[in-house]
Amino acid sequence: MTLTGVGTLGGLTVLAAAKLAPGQADRSPHRNGSAWTEPVEISATPAPPSATATGMLPPRQEIISRYGAQTPHYWGLHPESSWSTFPTGTSLARDSACLTFDACSDSSGYDERLINALREHHIPATLFVNQRWATTHRQEFESLVADPLFEIGNHGSNHRPLSVSGRSAYGIAGTKNVAEVYDEIAGMHTWMATNYNLQPKFFRPGTAHADNVATQVSRAMGEWTVMFSVNGDSGATADADQVYQQFLQLRPGGILLAHFNRPGSETAAGVERALPVLIARGLRFRRLDEVLPATTSPEQPPPW
C-alpha cells in the first residue's frame, strides 16, 4: 500500500510518499497517531554488525557484489536492520533513553545554546554529523569530539537518503545504487578515521529515510543504521513549545531525534525546558554506544 502525508525533517516540508511491504506500517512522526511505540519483543541469535578485525571497511566491490542484485521491499523511516528503540532484552530499557542530534549540511550553523544545555545538565548524547558540516565547522566539530559526553555518529558524506534505487525524500535525491550507498557511508567514515582515529558504529541517513537493502549494506560495513522513536523538533522547524511537548513523549527504551545545526530555530529553547522535566521523571540518558550493539542484541532489531 502507499501512505502519503506531509512531513518535515532536515528543515524541509514536503508531500512525502512511502511504499510499504504488505502489512507493514510506517509510523512516521509526521503522520497522525502516537509519537511513541513500545519496544517489541523478538527472539533471534545474537550478532553485532559485521566488520573486519582491523576495523577497516570491507572492499567496495565486495559489497556491490553481495548486495547489488537485491531489490528492496521497503522505503521509509523504519526499515529492517535499523534501530528505532533499545533492544528489548536490555535492562537499560527500563529507565534509560537516548538523545540523538543531527548536523546536516555545510550551509547550516552550530546551535551552541543547545550543546551548552546538554553540557550544563551533564546529558550524554550521540551526535550524527554530516561530513560537509564537519569540514565547514571544524573547530566546533573538534570540540565535540574531545568532549566525553558526546559520541559522534556518521550522518553521511553528502546527506543523501539511503536508497539502492534512486528514491528521494523531502525533495532530496537519494543514492542511486549500492555503489553510491557505499560511498555515502564510507566517505564520512574514512574522513573520521583518518583525521580523528574515530570508527563510527552508527549511521543515520540524510532525511532519516532508507530502504531495507541499504540498511543491510550499512550493517555489513560495520555501522548500525539508527532511526528514532520520537521526532523532537521536526527538522528544527518546530517552535519551542512543540519541541518541549515532543521531548516529553520520550519514554524508557526510546531514541529521540533532533538537530543542533540550526541556531536560529527554537530547538534549544524547547530542550532547555524539557530536560529538567525528564530528569525529574527519573529518566536516565545514554549514548548509543552504551546500548547498541551489545552481545545481548538480537541479530535483527525489533520490528517497528
Protein backbone atom coordinates (compact mmCIF):
# COMPACT_ATOMS: atom_id res chain seq x y z
CA MET A 1 0.00 0.00 0.00
CA THR A 2 1.02 3.61 -0.35
CA LEU A 3 0.85 6.08 2.51
CA THR A 4 1.05 9.79 1.82
CA GLY A 5 1.44 12.58 4.34
CA VAL A 6 3.04 15.93 4.99
CA GLY A 7 6.44 15.51 6.61
CA THR A 8 9.29 17.62 7.91
CA LEU A 9 12.88 16.56 8.53
CA GLY A 10 16.10 18.47 7.91
CA GLY A 11 14.24 21.78 7.72
CA LEU A 12 12.20 20.82 4.63
CA THR A 13 8.42 20.45 4.39
CA VAL A 14 7.01 18.44 1.50
CA LEU A 15 4.36 15.96 0.49
CA ALA A 16 6.06 12.60 1.16
CA ALA A 17 5.05 9.12 -0.02
CA ALA A 18 6.29 5.75 1.21
CA LYS A 19 5.59 2.42 -0.45
CA LEU A 20 5.49 -0.32 2.14
CA ALA A 21 5.53 -4.07 2.15
CA PRO A 22 2.17 -5.80 2.72
CA GLY A 23 1.11 -5.49 6.33
CA GLN A 24 3.93 -3.08 7.17
CA ALA A 25 3.06 0.33 8.61
CA ASP A 26 5.39 3.32 8.52
CA ARG A 27 4.84 5.07 11.85
CA SER A 28 6.14 8.43 10.67
CA PRO A 29 6.07 11.13 13.36
CA HIS A 30 4.65 13.45 10.70
CA ARG A 31 1.54 11.33 10.35
CA ASN A 32 -1.42 11.44 12.69
CA GLY A 33 -1.10 9.00 15.58
CA SER A 34 1.06 8.22 18.57
CA ALA A 35 4.57 9.62 18.68
CA TRP A 36 5.66 6.58 20.65
CA THR A 37 5.60 2.84 20.14
CA GLU A 38 6.75 0.45 22.85
CA PRO A 39 9.71 -1.81 22.04
CA VAL A 40 8.68 -5.16 20.60
CA GLU A 41 9.98 -8.48 21.89
CA ILE A 42 11.92 -10.52 19.36
CA SER A 43 13.84 -13.77 19.53
CA ALA A 44 16.96 -14.08 17.41
CA THR A 45 20.57 -15.19 17.51
CA PRO A 46 22.89 -12.52 18.97
CA ALA A 47 25.17 -10.92 16.39
CA PRO A 48 26.70 -7.44 16.05
CA PRO A 49 27.18 -5.74 12.69
CA SER A 50 29.92 -7.36 10.64
CA ALA A 51 33.28 -5.60 10.34
CA THR A 52 36.82 -6.68 9.69
CA ALA A 53 39.15 -7.40 12.60
CA THR A 54 41.13 -4.23 11.91
CA GLY A 55 38.05 -2.03 11.91
CA MET A 56 38.62 -1.16 8.26
CA LEU A 57 35.71 -1.07 5.84
CA PRO A 58 35.08 -4.08 3.62
CA PRO A 59 36.10 -3.59 -0.03
CA ARG A 60 33.66 -1.60 -2.15
CA GLN A 61 33.42 -4.24 -4.87
CA GLU A 62 32.71 -6.95 -2.30
CA ILE A 63 29.68 -5.01 -1.05
CA ILE A 64 28.47 -4.31 -4.59
CA SER A 65 28.78 -7.99 -5.50
CA ARG A 66 26.92 -9.09 -2.37
CA TYR A 67 24.02 -6.62 -2.48
CA GLY A 68 23.93 -5.15 -5.99
CA ALA A 69 21.28 -7.52 -7.33
CA GLN A 70 18.91 -7.26 -4.33
CA THR A 71 15.58 -5.47 -4.70
CA PRO A 72 14.25 -3.51 -1.71
CA HIS A 73 10.71 -4.07 -0.45
CA TYR A 74 10.56 -1.12 1.99
CA TRP A 75 11.30 2.60 1.76
CA GLY A 76 10.79 4.94 4.71
CA LEU A 77 11.75 5.85 8.24
CA HIS A 78 11.95 2.44 9.91
CA PRO A 79 13.43 -0.19 7.58
CA GLU A 80 14.60 -3.61 8.67
CA SER A 81 18.11 -3.78 10.13
CA SER A 82 17.67 -0.34 11.69
CA TRP A 83 17.14 0.60 15.32
CA SER A 84 14.35 2.92 16.50
CA THR A 85 14.27 1.73 20.13
CA PHE A 86 16.55 -0.11 22.54
CA PRO A 87 16.89 -3.89 22.35
CA THR A 88 14.07 -5.33 24.42
CA GLY A 89 16.46 -7.69 26.20
CA THR A 90 18.50 -4.98 27.91
CA SER A 91 17.72 -3.76 31.42
CA LEU A 92 18.56 -0.23 30.24
CA ALA A 93 15.17 -0.12 28.51
CA ARG A 94 13.55 0.13 31.95
CA ASP A 95 14.85 3.59 32.87
CA SER A 96 17.06 4.99 30.09
CA ALA A 97 16.70 6.68 26.72
CA CYS A 98 18.99 8.10 24.04
CA LEU A 99 19.08 11.65 22.77
CA THR A 100 20.50 11.97 19.26
CA PHE A 101 21.10 15.22 17.40
CA ASP A 102 21.93 15.69 13.72
CA ALA A 103 24.13 18.25 11.97
CA CYS A 104 23.05 18.11 8.37
CA SER A 105 24.87 20.38 5.92
CA ASP A 106 27.70 22.83 5.35
CA SER A 107 25.39 25.82 4.85
CA SER A 108 23.80 25.49 8.28
CA GLY A 109 25.17 26.69 11.59
CA TYR A 110 26.02 25.47 15.08
CA ASP A 111 23.48 25.60 17.90
CA GLU A 112 25.87 26.32 20.76
CA ARG A 113 22.98 27.07 23.10
CA LEU A 114 21.62 23.54 22.68
CA ILE A 115 25.01 21.89 23.17
CA ASN A 116 25.62 24.03 26.25
CA ALA A 117 22.27 22.91 27.69
CA LEU A 118 23.37 19.29 27.38
CA ARG A 119 26.70 20.10 28.99
CA GLU A 120 25.14 22.04 31.85
CA HIS A 121 22.90 19.10 32.73
CA HIS A 122 25.68 16.55 32.06
CA ILE A 123 23.48 14.82 29.47
CA PRO A 124 25.32 12.37 27.20
CA ALA A 125 24.14 12.23 23.59
CA THR A 126 25.03 10.78 20.20
CA LEU A 127 25.65 13.40 17.54
CA PHE A 128 25.17 12.37 13.91
CA VAL A 129 27.42 14.64 11.86
CA ASN A 130 27.49 15.10 8.09
CA GLN A 131 30.93 15.37 6.51
CA ARG A 132 30.16 18.72 4.85
CA TRP A 133 29.11 20.20 8.19
CA ALA A 134 32.17 18.81 9.96
CA THR A 135 34.63 20.23 7.43
CA THR A 136 32.92 23.64 7.44
CA HIS A 137 32.64 23.75 11.24
CA ARG A 138 35.97 22.11 12.03
CA GLN A 139 36.61 23.92 15.32
CA GLU A 140 33.16 23.12 16.70
CA PHE A 141 33.42 19.53 15.50
CA GLU A 142 36.75 19.05 17.24
CA SER A 143 35.35 20.40 20.50
CA LEU A 144 32.53 17.84 20.30
CA VAL A 145 34.95 15.01 19.52
CA ALA A 146 37.01 15.95 22.58
CA ASP A 147 34.00 16.01 24.92
CA PRO A 148 33.39 12.59 26.56
CA LEU A 149 29.69 13.43 26.91
CA PHE A 150 29.27 13.02 23.17
CA GLU A 151 29.59 10.16 20.76
CA ILE A 152 29.99 11.02 17.07
CA GLY A 153 27.86 9.08 14.60
CA ASN A 154 28.06 9.03 10.81
CA HIS A 155 25.47 11.21 9.04
CA GLY A 156 26.86 10.60 5.59
CA SER A 157 29.15 12.31 3.13
CA ASN A 158 26.51 14.36 1.28
CA HIS A 159 23.39 14.00 3.46
CA ARG A 160 21.52 11.79 0.99
CA PRO A 161 18.62 9.43 1.66
CA LEU A 162 19.97 5.88 1.57
CA SER A 163 18.45 4.09 -1.42
CA VAL A 164 19.66 1.41 -3.83
CA SER A 165 17.18 2.54 -6.50
CA GLY A 166 17.30 6.33 -6.57
CA ARG A 167 14.42 7.12 -4.21
CA SER A 168 14.14 10.64 -2.81
CA ALA A 169 12.74 12.21 0.36
CA TYR A 170 11.65 15.80 1.01
CA GLY A 171 12.99 16.79 -2.41
CA ILE A 172 16.47 15.44 -1.69
CA ALA A 173 17.68 12.86 -4.22
CA GLY A 174 18.83 9.62 -2.67
CA THR A 175 21.69 7.36 -3.61
CA LYS A 176 21.01 5.51 -6.87
CA ASN A 177 22.59 2.11 -6.27
CA VAL A 178 24.66 0.03 -3.86
CA ALA A 179 27.90 1.69 -5.01
CA GLU A 180 26.55 5.12 -4.06
CA VAL A 181 25.23 3.77 -0.75
CA TYR A 182 28.73 2.53 -0.01
CA ASP A 183 30.26 5.89 -0.89
CA GLU A 184 27.76 7.84 1.21
CA ILE A 185 28.68 5.78 4.28
CA ALA A 186 32.38 5.31 3.56
CA GLY A 187 33.22 8.95 2.84
CA MET A 188 32.49 10.26 6.33
CA HIS A 189 33.65 7.03 7.99
CA THR A 190 37.06 7.30 6.30
CA TRP A 191 37.33 11.04 6.99
CA MET A 192 36.69 10.49 10.71
CA ALA A 193 39.09 7.54 10.88
CA THR A 194 41.86 9.36 9.01
CA ASN A 195 41.63 12.69 10.80
CA TYR A 196 40.49 11.73 14.30
CA ASN A 197 41.09 7.98 14.65
CA LEU A 198 37.33 7.53 15.12
CA GLN A 199 35.49 4.41 13.99
CA PRO A 200 31.78 5.34 13.95
CA LYS A 201 29.48 2.50 14.99
CA PHE A 202 26.21 4.09 13.92
CA PHE A 203 24.86 5.65 10.76
CA ARG A 204 21.82 7.83 10.12
CA PRO A 205 20.99 8.66 6.50
CA GLY A 206 20.14 12.13 5.33
CA THR A 207 16.41 12.78 5.92
CA ALA A 208 16.34 9.56 8.02
CA HIS A 209 14.99 7.66 5.01
CA ALA A 210 16.39 4.34 3.82
CA ASP A 211 15.39 1.11 2.15
CA ASN A 212 15.96 -2.31 3.66
CA VAL A 213 18.80 -3.27 1.29
CA ALA A 214 20.71 -0.07 2.09
CA THR A 215 20.48 -0.76 5.83
CA GLN A 216 21.91 -4.24 5.23
CA VAL A 217 24.81 -2.59 3.40
CA SER A 218 25.37 -0.25 6.34
CA ARG A 219 25.42 -3.17 8.73
CA ALA A 220 27.84 -5.12 6.52
CA MET A 221 30.12 -2.06 6.68
CA GLY A 222 30.13 -2.22 10.47
CA GLU A 223 27.63 0.53 11.23
CA TRP A 224 24.09 0.01 12.53
CA THR A 225 21.53 2.31 10.94
CA VAL A 226 19.78 4.22 13.73
CA MET A 227 16.43 5.96 13.24
CA PHE A 228 14.17 7.18 16.08
CA SER A 229 11.02 6.62 18.10
CA VAL A 230 10.37 10.32 18.81
CA ASN A 231 10.92 13.23 16.42
CA GLY A 232 11.97 16.00 18.75
CA ASP A 233 11.94 19.09 16.56
CA SER A 234 10.53 18.27 13.09
CA GLY A 235 13.77 19.09 11.32
CA ALA A 236 14.37 22.15 13.52
CA THR A 237 11.13 23.73 12.25
CA ALA A 238 9.07 23.26 15.44
CA ASP A 239 8.55 26.12 17.88
CA ALA A 240 9.80 25.90 21.47
CA ASP A 241 6.51 24.63 22.90
CA GLN A 242 6.22 21.93 20.23
CA VAL A 243 9.80 20.82 20.92
CA TYR A 244 9.05 20.72 24.65
CA GLN A 245 5.92 18.64 24.13
CA GLN A 246 7.69 16.24 21.76
CA PHE A 247 10.57 15.69 24.17
CA LEU A 248 8.07 14.81 26.88
CA GLN A 249 6.89 11.93 24.65
CA LEU A 250 10.23 10.19 25.25
CA ARG A 251 9.96 7.01 27.31
CA PRO A 252 12.48 4.46 28.59
CA GLY A 253 13.91 2.49 25.71
CA GLY A 254 13.35 5.33 23.25
CA ILE A 255 15.61 7.12 20.80
CA LEU A 256 14.87 10.79 20.12
CA LEU A 257 15.99 12.71 17.04
CA ALA A 258 16.55 16.49 16.94
CA HIS A 259 19.05 18.90 15.34
CA PHE A 260 21.95 21.04 16.51
CA ASN A 261 22.78 22.74 13.21
CA ARG A 262 20.01 25.38 13.26
CA PRO A 263 20.89 28.07 15.83
CA GLY A 264 18.06 30.25 14.54
CA SER A 265 15.48 27.60 15.42
CA GLU A 266 13.65 27.19 18.72
CA THR A 267 15.01 23.70 19.37
CA ALA A 268 17.38 24.83 22.11
CA ALA A 269 14.64 26.74 23.96
CA GLY A 270 12.41 23.68 23.95
CA VAL A 271 15.24 21.41 25.06
CA GLU A 272 16.10 23.73 27.95
CA ARG A 273 12.52 23.43 29.22
CA ALA A 274 12.23 19.69 28.66
CA LEU A 275 15.45 18.39 30.18
CA PRO A 276 14.66 19.24 33.84
CA VAL A 277 11.23 17.61 33.50
CA LEU A 278 12.63 14.41 32.01
CA ILE A 279 15.35 14.29 34.67
CA ALA A 280 12.74 14.77 37.41
CA ARG A 281 10.81 11.82 35.99
CA GLY A 282 13.86 9.67 36.65
CA LEU A 283 14.75 9.16 33.00
CA ARG A 284 18.44 8.42 32.52
CA PHE A 285 20.28 9.27 29.32
CA ARG A 286 22.75 7.08 27.46
CA ARG A 287 24.91 7.35 24.40
CA LEU A 288 24.07 4.81 21.74
CA ASP A 289 27.38 3.04 22.26
CA GLU A 290 26.19 2.14 25.78
CA VAL A 291 23.15 0.44 24.32
CA LEU A 292 23.82 -0.75 20.74
CA PRO A 293 25.07 -3.12 19.64
CA ALA A 294 25.61 -5.38 22.65
CA THR A 295 26.22 -9.10 22.90
CA THR A 296 22.61 -9.43 24.05
CA SER A 297 21.29 -7.57 21.00
CA PRO A 298 19.20 -9.61 18.58
CA GLU A 299 20.52 -10.27 15.10
CA GLN A 300 17.72 -8.09 13.77
CA PRO A 301 16.38 -5.07 15.69
CA PRO A 302 12.77 -5.19 16.93
CA PRO A 303 10.31 -4.58 14.07
CA TRP A 304 8.72 -1.14 14.09
